[in-house]
Amino acid sequence: MDINKELDARGLTCPLPILKAKKALSDMHSGEVLKVLATDPGSVRDFQAFARQTGNDLVDQQTKLNGDQEEYTHFLRRR
């Protein structure tokens, strides 16, 4: 998958990762993919809801352990 833009939202809590992703997507073209890195566990549900509400495609979500903290990666395709 080609990533067109990456957003680092690690350390931010709801609603900031969503707000920053919304702004980033507004500067992108249809079909482009945004990769969002987050540490907020609520971001998993938040990005699922965001995709449903906005019509953007949530292509994938991944969770990995980074040291002692979980890190969540979300891939959104601009509608």
PDB file of N, CA and C in Angstrom:
ATOM      1  N   MET A   1       0.850  -1.183   0.000  1.00  0.00           N
ATOM      2  CA  MET A   1       0.000   0.000   0.000  1.00  0.00           C
ATOM      3  C   MET A   1       0.891   1.241   0.000  1.00  0.00           C
ATOM      4  N   ASP A   2       0.596   2.159  -0.877  1.00  0.00           N
ATOM      5  CA  ASP A   2       1.333   3.423  -0.934  1.00  0.00           C
ATOM      6  C   ASP A   2       0.763   4.389   0.100  1.00  0.00           C
ATOM      7  N   ILE A   3       1.649   4.964   0.894  1.00  0.00           N
ATOM      8  CA  ILE A   3       1.262   5.965   1.895  1.00  0.00           C
ATOM      9  C   ILE A   3       1.597   7.337   1.325  1.00  0.00           C
ATOM     10  N   ASN A   4       0.602   8.213   1.253  1.00  0.00           N
ATOM     11  CA  ASN A   4       0.810   9.544   0.698  1.00  0.00           C
ATOM     12  C   ASN A   4       1.154  10.586   1.753  1.00  0.00           C
ATOM     13  N   LYS A   5       0.719  10.337   2.983  1.00  0.00           N
ATOM     14  CA  LYS A   5       0.980  11.287   4.063  1.00  0.00           C
ATOM     15  C   LYS A   5       0.975  10.537   5.377  1.00  0.00           C
ATOM     16  N   GLU A   6       1.836  10.958   6.305  1.00  0.00           N
ATOM     17  CA  GLU A   6       1.891  10.336   7.624  1.00  0.00           C
ATOM     18  C   GLU A   6       1.674  11.397   8.689  1.00  0.00           C
ATOM     19  N   LEU A   7       0.883  11.032   9.693  1.00  0.00           N
ATOM     20  CA  LEU A   7       0.562  11.939  10.788  1.00  0.00           C
ATOM     21  C   LEU A   7       0.954  11.281  12.102  1.00  0.00           C
ATOM     22  N   ASP A   8       1.767  11.952  12.880  1.00  0.00           N
ATOM     23  CA  ASP A   8       2.180  11.443  14.183  1.00  0.00           C
ATOM     24  C   ASP A   8       1.304  12.076  15.262  1.00  0.00           C
ATOM     25  N   ALA A   9       0.369  11.289  15.789  1.00  0.00           N
ATOM     26  CA  ALA A   9      -0.531  11.769  16.841  1.00  0.00           C
ATOM     27  C   ALA A   9      -0.235  11.061  18.162  1.00  0.00           C
ATOM     28  N   ARG A  10       0.960  10.511  18.272  1.00  0.00           N
ATOM     29  CA  ARG A  10       1.339   9.819  19.518  1.00  0.00           C
ATOM     30  C   ARG A  10       1.392  10.825  20.658  1.00  0.00           C
ATOM     31  N   GLY A  11       0.889  10.418  21.812  1.00  0.00           N
ATOM     32  CA  GLY A  11       0.871  11.290  22.980  1.00  0.00           C
ATOM     33  C   GLY A  11      -0.359  12.174  23.063  1.00  0.00           C
ATOM     34  N   LEU A  12      -1.167  12.187  22.017  1.00  0.00           N
ATOM     35  CA  LEU A  12      -2.383  13.002  22.010  1.00  0.00           C
ATOM     36  C   LEU A  12      -3.583  12.138  22.372  1.00  0.00           C
ATOM     37  N   THR A  13      -4.545  12.732  23.067  1.00  0.00           N
ATOM     38  CA  THR A  13      -5.763  12.008  23.425  1.00  0.00           C
ATOM     39  C   THR A  13      -6.943  12.570  22.651  1.00  0.00           C
ATOM     40  N   CYS A  14      -8.018  11.822  22.673  1.00  0.00           N
ATOM     41  CA  CYS A  14      -9.253  12.187  21.983  1.00  0.00           C
ATOM     42  C   CYS A  14      -9.676  13.600  22.401  1.00  0.00           C
ATOM     43  N   PRO A  15     -10.064  14.412  21.490  1.00  0.00           N
ATOM     44  CA  PRO A  15     -10.341  14.202  20.071  1.00  0.00           C
ATOM     45  C   PRO A  15      -9.197  14.623  19.138  1.00  0.00           C
ATOM     46  N   LEU A  16      -8.032  14.950  19.680  1.00  0.00           N
ATOM     47  CA  LEU A  16      -6.970  15.525  18.852  1.00  0.00           C
ATOM     48  C   LEU A  16      -6.502  14.638  17.694  1.00  0.00           C
ATOM     49  N   PRO A  17      -6.305  13.323  17.858  1.00  0.00           N
ATOM     50  CA  PRO A  17      -5.896  12.524  16.691  1.00  0.00           C
ATOM     51  C   PRO A  17      -6.907  12.601  15.539  1.00  0.00           C
ATOM     52  N   ILE A  18      -8.189  12.578  15.874  1.00  0.00           N
ATOM     53  CA  ILE A  18      -9.239  12.668  14.845  1.00  0.00           C
ATOM     54  C   ILE A  18      -9.226  14.041  14.188  1.00  0.00           C
ATOM     55  N   LEU A  19      -9.127  15.088  14.979  1.00  0.00           N
ATOM     56  CA  LEU A  19      -9.122  16.441  14.416  1.00  0.00           C
ATOM     57  C   LEU A  19      -7.927  16.661  13.493  1.00  0.00           C
ATOM     58  N   LYS A  20      -6.765  16.173  13.892  1.00  0.00           N
ATOM     59  CA  LYS A  20      -5.567  16.320  13.058  1.00  0.00           C
ATOM     60  C   LYS A  20      -5.681  15.478  11.787  1.00  0.00           C
ATOM     61  N   ALA A  21      -6.274  14.298  11.899  1.00  0.00           N
ATOM     62  CA  ALA A  21      -6.475  13.458  10.719  1.00  0.00           C
ATOM     63  C   ALA A  21      -7.464  14.118   9.756  1.00  0.00           C
ATOM     64  N   LYS A  22      -8.511  14.696  10.298  1.00  0.00           N
ATOM     65  CA  LYS A  22      -9.502  15.382   9.455  1.00  0.00           C
ATOM     66  C   LYS A  22      -8.851  16.520   8.676  1.00  0.00           C
ATOM     67  N   LYS A  23      -8.011  17.278   9.339  1.00  0.00           N
ATOM     68  CA  LYS A  23      -7.310  18.379   8.673  1.00  0.00           C
ATOM     69  C   LYS A  23      -6.351  17.847   7.611  1.00  0.00           C
ATOM     70  N   ALA A  24      -5.612  16.805   7.934  1.00  0.00           N
ATOM     71  CA  ALA A  24      -4.667  16.224   6.978  1.00  0.00           C
ATOM     72  C   ALA A  24      -5.397  15.692   5.743  1.00  0.00           C
ATOM     73  N   LEU A  25      -6.523  15.007   5.957  1.00  0.00           N
ATOM     74  CA  LEU A  25      -7.287  14.463   4.838  1.00  0.00           C
ATOM     75  C   LEU A  25      -7.842  15.555   3.938  1.00  0.00           C
ATOM     76  N   SER A  26      -8.169  16.699   4.516  1.00  0.00           N
ATOM     77  CA  SER A  26      -8.734  17.795   3.714  1.00  0.00           C
ATOM     78  C   SER A  26      -7.724  18.352   2.719  1.00  0.00           C
ATOM     79  N   ASP A  27      -6.429  18.132   2.973  1.00  0.00           N
ATOM     80  CA  ASP A  27      -5.376  18.601   2.070  1.00  0.00           C
ATOM     81  C   ASP A  27      -4.946  17.528   1.069  1.00  0.00           C
ATOM     82  N   MET A  28      -5.625  16.382   1.077  1.00  0.00           N
ATOM     83  CA  MET A  28      -5.236  15.264   0.221  1.00  0.00           C
ATOM     84  C   MET A  28      -6.246  15.067  -0.905  1.00  0.00           C
ATOM     85  N   HIS A  29      -5.820  14.339  -1.936  1.00  0.00           N
ATOM     86  CA  HIS A  29      -6.682  14.040  -3.079  1.00  0.00           C
ATOM     87  C   HIS A  29      -7.431  12.734  -2.853  1.00  0.00           C
ATOM     88  N   SER A  30      -8.542  12.578  -3.530  1.00  0.00           N
ATOM     89  CA  SER A  30      -9.329  11.357  -3.449  1.00  0.00           C
ATOM     90  C   SER A  30      -8.470  10.145  -3.798  1.00  0.00           C
ATOM     91  N   GLY A  31      -8.571   9.098  -2.980  1.00  0.00           N
ATOM     92  CA  GLY A  31      -7.821   7.866  -3.210  1.00  0.00           C
ATOM     93  C   GLY A  31      -6.481   7.810  -2.513  1.00  0.00           C
ATOM     94  N   GLU A  32      -5.990   8.947  -2.018  1.00  0.00           N
ATOM     95  CA  GLU A  32      -4.707   8.950  -1.315  1.00  0.00           C
ATOM     96  C   GLU A  32      -4.875   8.370   0.090  1.00  0.00           C
ATOM     97  N   VAL A  33      -3.765   7.826   0.632  1.00  0.00           N
ATOM     98  CA  VAL A  33      -3.805   7.142   1.923  1.00  0.00           C
ATOM     99  C   VAL A  33      -3.038   7.934   2.983  1.00  0.00           C
ATOM    100  N   LEU A  34      -3.695   8.101   4.128  1.00  0.00           N
ATOM    101  CA  LEU A  34      -3.105   8.755   5.292  1.00  0.00           C
ATOM    102  C   LEU A  34      -2.796   7.696   6.338  1.00  0.00           C
ATOM    103  N   LYS A  35      -1.574   7.710   6.847  1.00  0.00           N
ATOM    104  CA  LYS A  35      -1.163   6.816   7.935  1.00  0.00           C
ATOM    105  C   LYS A  35      -1.111   7.645   9.210  1.00  0.00           C
ATOM    106  N   VAL A  36      -1.825   7.193  10.240  1.00  0.00           N
ATOM    107  CA  VAL A  36      -1.877   7.911  11.513  1.00  0.00           C
ATOM    108  C   VAL A  36      -1.287   7.024  12.610  1.00  0.00           C
ATOM    109  N   LEU A  37      -0.292   7.538  13.319  1.00  0.00           N
ATOM    110  CA  LEU A  37       0.287   6.852  14.480  1.00  0.00           C
ATOM    111  C   LEU A  37      -0.319   7.454  15.735  1.00  0.00           C
ATOM    112  N   ALA A  38      -0.794   6.598  16.635  1.00  0.00           N
ATOM    113  CA  ALA A  38      -1.444   7.082  17.856  1.00  0.00           C
ATOM    114  C   ALA A  38      -1.096   6.170  19.033  1.00  0.00           C
ATOM    115  N   THR A  39      -1.211   6.718  20.235  1.00  0.00           N
ATOM    116  CA  THR A  39      -0.992   5.936  21.448  1.00  0.00           C
ATOM    117  C   THR A  39      -2.253   5.852  22.307  1.00  0.00           C
ATOM    118  N   ASP A  40      -3.290   6.575  21.933  1.00  0.00           N
ATOM    119  CA  ASP A  40      -4.549   6.566  22.677  1.00  0.00           C
ATOM    120  C   ASP A  40      -5.342   5.305  22.321  1.00  0.00           C
ATOM    121  N   PRO A  41      -5.589   4.418  23.306  1.00  0.00           N
ATOM    122  CA  PRO A  41      -6.336   3.185  23.012  1.00  0.00           C
ATOM    123  C   PRO A  41      -7.718   3.455  22.423  1.00  0.00           C
ATOM    124  N   GLY A  42      -8.311   4.575  22.779  1.00  0.00           N
ATOM    125  CA  GLY A  42      -9.622   4.941  22.245  1.00  0.00           C
ATOM    126  C   GLY A  42      -9.599   5.281  20.771  1.00  0.00           C
ATOM    127  N   SER A  43      -8.411   5.487  20.227  1.00  0.00           N
ATOM    128  CA  SER A  43      -8.308   5.855  18.813  1.00  0.00           C
ATOM    129  C   SER A  43      -8.793   4.734  17.896  1.00  0.00           C
ATOM    130  N   VAL A  44      -8.734   3.487  18.353  1.00  0.00           N
ATOM    131  CA  VAL A  44      -9.196   2.368  17.524  1.00  0.00           C
ATOM    132  C   VAL A  44     -10.688   2.549  17.219  1.00  0.00           C
ATOM    133  N   ARG A  45     -11.488   2.724  18.243  1.00  0.00           N
ATOM    134  CA  ARG A  45     -12.932   2.960  18.052  1.00  0.00           C
ATOM    135  C   ARG A  45     -13.192   4.294  17.367  1.00  0.00           C
ATOM    136  N   ASP A  46     -12.429   5.310  17.770  1.00  0.00           N
ATOM    137  CA  ASP A  46     -12.650   6.646  17.218  1.00  0.00           C
ATOM    138  C   ASP A  46     -12.469   6.665  15.703  1.00  0.00           C
ATOM    139  N   PHE A  47     -11.427   6.012  15.205  1.00  0.00           N
ATOM    140  CA  PHE A  47     -11.185   6.033  13.760  1.00  0.00           C
ATOM    141  C   PHE A  47     -12.197   5.177  13.005  1.00  0.00           C
ATOM    142  N   GLN A  48     -12.712   4.116  13.637  1.00  0.00           N
ATOM    143  CA  GLN A  48     -13.770   3.327  13.012  1.00  0.00           C
ATOM    144  C   GLN A  48     -15.020   4.187  12.837  1.00  0.00           C
ATOM    145  N   ALA A  49     -15.385   4.912  13.882  1.00  0.00           N
ATOM    146  CA  ALA A  49     -16.555   5.792  13.821  1.00  0.00           C
ATOM    147  C   ALA A  49     -16.326   6.937  12.842  1.00  0.00           C
ATOM    148  N   PHE A  50     -15.135   7.513  12.859  1.00  0.00           N
ATOM    149  CA  PHE A  50     -14.799   8.622  11.955  1.00  0.00           C
ATOM    150  C   PHE A  50     -14.962   8.190  10.499  1.00  0.00           C
ATOM    151  N   ALA A  51     -14.479   7.001  10.164  1.00  0.00           N
ATOM    152  CA  ALA A  51     -14.579   6.503   8.787  1.00  0.00           C
ATOM    153  C   ALA A  51     -16.044   6.321   8.384  1.00  0.00           C
ATOM    154  N   ARG A  52     -16.840   5.746   9.278  1.00  0.00           N
ATOM    155  CA  ARG A  52     -18.269   5.549   8.979  1.00  0.00           C
ATOM    156  C   ARG A  52     -18.972   6.884   8.757  1.00  0.00           C
ATOM    157  N   GLN A  53     -18.658   7.864   9.587  1.00  0.00           N
ATOM    158  CA  GLN A  53     -19.358   9.149   9.527  1.00  0.00           C
ATOM    159  C   GLN A  53     -18.925  10.010   8.348  1.00  0.00           C
ATOM    160  N   THR A  54     -17.683   9.870   7.912  1.00  0.00           N
ATOM    161  CA  THR A  54     -17.168  10.758   6.861  1.00  0.00           C
ATOM    162  C   THR A  54     -17.136  10.120   5.478  1.00  0.00           C
ATOM    163  N   GLY A  55     -17.268   8.796   5.413  1.00  0.00           N
ATOM    164  CA  GLY A  55     -17.215   8.126   4.123  1.00  0.00           C
ATOM    165  C   GLY A  55     -15.804   7.816   3.650  1.00  0.00           C
ATOM    166  N   ASN A  56     -14.804   8.168   4.467  1.00  0.00           N
ATOM    167  CA  ASN A  56     -13.428   7.777   4.146  1.00  0.00           C
ATOM    168  C   ASN A  56     -13.279   6.293   4.467  1.00  0.00           C
ATOM    169  N   ASP A  57     -12.380   5.606   3.764  1.00  0.00           N
ATOM    170  CA  ASP A  57     -12.211   4.170   3.924  1.00  0.00           C
ATOM    171  C   ASP A  57     -11.118   3.882   4.942  1.00  0.00           C
ATOM    172  N   LEU A  58     -11.477   3.178   6.014  1.00  0.00           N
ATOM    173  CA  LEU A  58     -10.485   2.731   6.992  1.00  0.00           C
ATOM    174  C   LEU A  58      -9.897   1.434   6.447  1.00  0.00           C
ATOM    175  N   VAL A  59      -8.746   1.544   5.808  1.00  0.00           N
ATOM    176  CA  VAL A  59      -8.137   0.430   5.085  1.00  0.00           C
ATOM    177  C   VAL A  59      -7.610  -0.629   6.043  1.00  0.00           C
ATOM    178  N   ASP A  60      -6.979  -0.200   7.142  1.00  0.00           N
ATOM    179  CA  ASP A  60      -6.371  -1.139   8.072  1.00  0.00           C
ATOM    180  C   ASP A  60      -6.131  -0.443   9.410  1.00  0.00           C
ATOM    181  N   GLN A  61      -6.068  -1.250  10.467  1.00  0.00           N
ATOM    182  CA  GLN A  61      -5.665  -0.789  11.790  1.00  0.00           C
ATOM    183  C   GLN A  61      -4.715  -1.831  12.353  1.00  0.00           C
ATOM    184  N   GLN A  62      -3.629  -1.375  12.945  1.00  0.00           N
ATOM    185  CA  GLN A  62      -2.642  -2.286  13.514  1.00  0.00           C
ATOM    186  C   GLN A  62      -2.293  -1.826  14.925  1.00  0.00           C
ATOM    187  N   THR A  63      -1.998  -2.804  15.771  1.00  0.00           N
ATOM    188  CA  THR A  63      -1.567  -2.519  17.137  1.00  0.00           C
ATOM    189  C   THR A  63      -0.247  -3.225  17.356  1.00  0.00           C
ATOM    190  N   LYS A  64       0.727  -2.486  17.904  1.00  0.00           N
ATOM    191  CA  LYS A  64       2.007  -3.119  18.226  1.00  0.00           C
ATOM    192  C   LYS A  64       2.518  -2.546  19.536  1.00  0.00           C
ATOM    193  N   LEU A  65       3.392  -3.297  20.173  1.00  0.00           N
ATOM    194  CA  LEU A  65       3.999  -2.854  21.417  1.00  0.00           C
ATOM    195  C   LEU A  65       5.282  -2.115  21.094  1.00  0.00           C
ATOM    196  N   ASN A  66       5.390  -0.887  21.566  1.00  0.00           N
ATOM    197  CA  ASN A  66       6.578  -0.063  21.351  1.00  0.00           C
ATOM    198  C   ASN A  66       7.151   0.229  22.738  1.00  0.00           C
ATOM    199  N   GLY A  67       8.140  -0.558  23.137  1.00  0.00           N
ATOM    200  CA  GLY A  67       8.649  -0.454  24.509  1.00  0.00           C
ATOM    201  C   GLY A  67       7.608  -1.009  25.448  1.00  0.00           C
ATOM    202  N   ASP A  68       7.127  -0.182  26.370  1.00  0.00           N
ATOM    203  CA  ASP A  68       6.094  -0.644  27.305  1.00  0.00           C
ATOM    204  C   ASP A  68       4.727  -0.063  26.977  1.00  0.00           C
ATOM    205  N   GLN A  69       4.612   0.575  25.818  1.00  0.00           N
ATOM    206  CA  GLN A  69       3.354   1.222  25.445  1.00  0.00           C
ATOM    207  C   GLN A  69       2.853   0.688  24.106  1.00  0.00           C
ATOM    208  N   GLU A  70       1.543   0.481  24.014  1.00  0.00           N
ATOM    209  CA  GLU A  70       0.963   0.071  22.744  1.00  0.00           C
ATOM    210  C   GLU A  70       0.875   1.266  21.817  1.00  0.00           C
ATOM    211  N   GLU A  71       1.105   0.984  20.540  1.00  0.00           N
ATOM    212  CA  GLU A  71       1.017   2.015  19.510  1.00  0.00           C
ATOM    213  C   GLU A  71       0.024   1.536  18.461  1.00  0.00           C
ATOM    214  N   TYR A  72      -0.842   2.412  18.035  1.00  0.00           N
ATOM    215  CA  TYR A  72      -1.909   2.080  17.096  1.00  0.00           C
ATOM    216  C   TYR A  72      -1.640   2.810  15.787  1.00  0.00           C
ATOM    217  N   THR A  73      -1.760   2.071  14.693  1.00  0.00           N
ATOM    218  CA  THR A  73      -1.564   2.658  13.372  1.00  0.00           C
ATOM    219  C   THR A  73      -2.864   2.503  12.593  1.00  0.00           C
ATOM    220  N   HIS A  74      -3.323   3.595  12.026  1.00  0.00           N
ATOM    221  CA  HIS A  74      -4.578   3.635  11.280  1.00  0.00           C
ATOM    222  C   HIS A  74      -4.263   4.093   9.855  1.00  0.00           C
ATOM    223  N   PHE A  75      -4.866   3.433   8.884  1.00  0.00           N
ATOM    224  CA  PHE A  75      -4.676   3.786   7.481  1.00  0.00           C
ATOM    225  C   PHE A  75      -6.030   4.184   6.903  1.00  0.00           C
ATOM    226  N   LEU A  76      -6.128   5.436   6.486  1.00  0.00           N
ATOM    227  CA  LEU A  76      -7.378   5.965   5.938  1.00  0.00           C
ATOM    228  C   LEU A  76      -7.192   6.352   4.470  1.00  0.00           C
ATOM    229  N   ARG A  77      -8.123   5.923   3.622  1.00  0.00           N
ATOM    230  CA  ARG A  77      -8.092   6.334   2.227  1.00  0.00           C
ATOM    231  C   ARG A  77      -9.118   7.441   2.031  1.00  0.00           C
ATOM    232  N   ARG A  78      -8.651   8.548   1.488  1.00  0.00           N
ATOM    233  CA  ARG A  78      -9.515   9.737   1.269  1.00  0.00           C
ATOM    234  C   ARG A  78     -10.626   9.389   0.287  1.00  0.00           C
ATOM    235  N   ARG A  79     -11.831   9.785   0.626  1.00  0.00           N
ATOM    236  CA  ARG A  79     -12.975   9.521  -0.270  1.00  0.00           C
ATOM    237  C   ARG A  79     -12.941  10.407  -1.482  1.00  0.00           C
TER     238      ARG A  79
END
